[in-house]
Amino acid sequence: MFTVTFWRAAAERAVKTGAQSVLTAYFVGDVALNAFQADWVNMGGIGLGGVTLSILTSLASGYKDGNPSATNAEVTK
């Protein structure tokens, strides 16, 4: 958990989760994202929420064996 490799994997996962959170919030149903009318503050908050939850999940998963993957599907060295 205290390695650069752990934090690289956790950061990559967090960025992906943040992007997925924003896309999920704005593309559910028939809503299309209009970049000129989008509420960028809310989008940032939603994305940051996803990033935060992802980092916390990686920390909880890495606590036992230093691997940010909960199921050890991804092995870091």
C-alpha atoms as a PDB file:
ATOM      1  CA  MET A   1       0.000   0.000   0.000  1.00  0.00           C
ATOM      2  CA  PHE A   2       2.976   2.301   0.428  1.00  0.00           C
ATOM      3  CA  THR A   3       4.414   1.826  -3.051  1.00  0.00           C
ATOM      4  CA  VAL A   4       4.332   3.959  -6.165  1.00  0.00           C
ATOM      5  CA  THR A   5       2.824   1.034  -8.082  1.00  0.00           C
ATOM      6  CA  PHE A   6      -0.099   0.824  -5.665  1.00  0.00           C
ATOM      7  CA  TRP A   7      -0.853   4.532  -6.011  1.00  0.00           C
ATOM      8  CA  ARG A   8      -0.526   4.462  -9.803  1.00  0.00           C
ATOM      9  CA  ALA A   9      -3.054   1.640 -10.015  1.00  0.00           C
ATOM     10  CA  ALA A  10      -5.344   3.336  -7.478  1.00  0.00           C
ATOM     11  CA  ALA A  11      -5.117   6.678  -9.300  1.00  0.00           C
ATOM     12  CA  GLU A  12      -5.899   5.110 -12.677  1.00  0.00           C
ATOM     13  CA  ARG A  13      -8.892   3.350 -11.183  1.00  0.00           C
ATOM     14  CA  ALA A  14     -10.044   6.578  -9.495  1.00  0.00           C
ATOM     15  CA  VAL A  15      -9.889   8.620 -12.708  1.00  0.00           C
ATOM     16  CA  LYS A  16     -11.890   5.982 -14.553  1.00  0.00           C
ATOM     17  CA  THR A  17     -14.491   5.850 -11.778  1.00  0.00           C
ATOM     18  CA  GLY A  18     -14.769   9.647 -11.689  1.00  0.00           C
ATOM     19  CA  ALA A  19     -15.385   9.787 -15.437  1.00  0.00           C
ATOM     20  CA  GLN A  20     -17.913   6.963 -15.245  1.00  0.00           C
ATOM     21  CA  SER A  21     -19.752   8.762 -12.442  1.00  0.00           C
ATOM     22  CA  VAL A  22     -20.096  11.943 -14.505  1.00  0.00           C
ATOM     23  CA  LEU A  23     -21.191  10.055 -17.601  1.00  0.00           C
ATOM     24  CA  THR A  24     -23.711   8.037 -15.635  1.00  0.00           C
ATOM     25  CA  ALA A  25     -25.204  11.127 -14.017  1.00  0.00           C
ATOM     26  CA  TYR A  26     -25.650  13.002 -17.293  1.00  0.00           C
ATOM     27  CA  PHE A  27     -26.421  10.296 -19.809  1.00  0.00           C
ATOM     28  CA  VAL A  28     -29.052   8.291 -17.953  1.00  0.00           C
ATOM     29  CA  GLY A  29     -32.352   8.264 -19.787  1.00  0.00           C
ATOM     30  CA  ASP A  30     -32.971  10.675 -22.629  1.00  0.00           C
ATOM     31  CA  VAL A  31     -30.708  13.439 -21.354  1.00  0.00           C
ATOM     32  CA  ALA A  32     -27.927  14.551 -23.669  1.00  0.00           C
ATOM     33  CA  LEU A  33     -25.002  16.577 -22.369  1.00  0.00           C
ATOM     34  CA  ASN A  34     -24.887  20.108 -23.713  1.00  0.00           C
ATOM     35  CA  ALA A  35     -21.409  21.416 -22.872  1.00  0.00           C
ATOM     36  CA  PHE A  36     -22.594  25.029 -23.080  1.00  0.00           C
ATOM     37  CA  GLN A  37     -25.432  24.554 -20.613  1.00  0.00           C
ATOM     38  CA  ALA A  38     -23.922  21.910 -18.351  1.00  0.00           C
ATOM     39  CA  ASP A  39     -23.594  22.579 -14.654  1.00  0.00           C
ATOM     40  CA  TRP A  40     -19.826  22.119 -14.447  1.00  0.00           C
ATOM     41  CA  VAL A  41     -19.717  22.591 -10.679  1.00  0.00           C
ATOM     42  CA  ASN A  42     -22.117  19.681 -10.161  1.00  0.00           C
ATOM     43  CA  MET A  43     -20.252  17.592 -12.725  1.00  0.00           C
ATOM     44  CA  GLY A  44     -17.024  18.218 -10.833  1.00  0.00           C
ATOM     45  CA  GLY A  45     -18.675  17.294  -7.550  1.00  0.00           C
ATOM     46  CA  ILE A  46     -20.087  14.074  -8.948  1.00  0.00           C
ATOM     47  CA  GLY A  47     -16.721  13.160 -10.453  1.00  0.00           C
ATOM     48  CA  LEU A  48     -14.888  13.988  -7.227  1.00  0.00           C
ATOM     49  CA  GLY A  49     -17.332  11.814  -5.304  1.00  0.00           C
ATOM     50  CA  GLY A  50     -16.522   8.884  -7.587  1.00  0.00           C
ATOM     51  CA  VAL A  51     -12.782   9.512  -7.229  1.00  0.00           C
ATOM     52  CA  THR A  52     -13.058   9.648  -3.446  1.00  0.00           C
ATOM     53  CA  LEU A  53     -15.031   6.409  -3.211  1.00  0.00           C
ATOM     54  CA  SER A  54     -12.604   4.674  -5.555  1.00  0.00           C
ATOM     55  CA  ILE A  55      -9.549   5.734  -3.517  1.00  0.00           C
ATOM     56  CA  LEU A  56     -11.248   4.614  -0.292  1.00  0.00           C
ATOM     57  CA  THR A  57     -12.056   1.248  -1.889  1.00  0.00           C
ATOM     58  CA  SER A  58      -8.455   0.836  -3.033  1.00  0.00           C
ATOM     59  CA  LEU A  59      -7.182   1.677   0.458  1.00  0.00           C
ATOM     60  CA  ALA A  60      -9.585  -0.784   2.072  1.00  0.00           C
ATOM     61  CA  SER A  61      -8.612  -3.482  -0.436  1.00  0.00           C
ATOM     62  CA  GLY A  62      -4.902  -2.766  -0.119  1.00  0.00           C
ATOM     63  CA  TYR A  63      -4.935  -2.878   3.651  1.00  0.00           C
ATOM     64  CA  LYS A  64      -4.809  -6.671   3.736  1.00  0.00           C
ATOM     65  CA  ASP A  65      -2.156  -7.374   1.108  1.00  0.00           C
ATOM     66  CA  GLY A  66      -1.004  -4.113  -0.494  1.00  0.00           C
ATOM     67  CA  ASN A  67      -2.924  -4.742  -3.705  1.00  0.00           C
ATOM     68  CA  PRO A  68      -5.559  -2.154  -4.700  1.00  0.00           C
ATOM     69  CA  SER A  69      -7.642  -4.849  -6.414  1.00  0.00           C
ATOM     70  CA  ALA A  70     -10.254  -6.326  -4.059  1.00  0.00           C
ATOM     71  CA  THR A  71     -10.264  -9.705  -5.823  1.00  0.00           C
ATOM     72  CA  ASN A  72      -6.582  -9.691  -6.814  1.00  0.00           C
ATOM     73  CA  ALA A  73      -7.685  -9.769 -10.450  1.00  0.00           C
ATOM     74  CA  GLU A  74      -5.052  -7.112 -11.059  1.00  0.00           C
ATOM     75  CA  VAL A  75      -1.662  -7.925  -9.611  1.00  0.00           C
ATOM     76  CA  THR A  76       0.760  -5.091  -8.943  1.00  0.00           C
ATOM     77  CA  LYS A  77       4.471  -5.672  -8.491  1.00  0.00           C
END
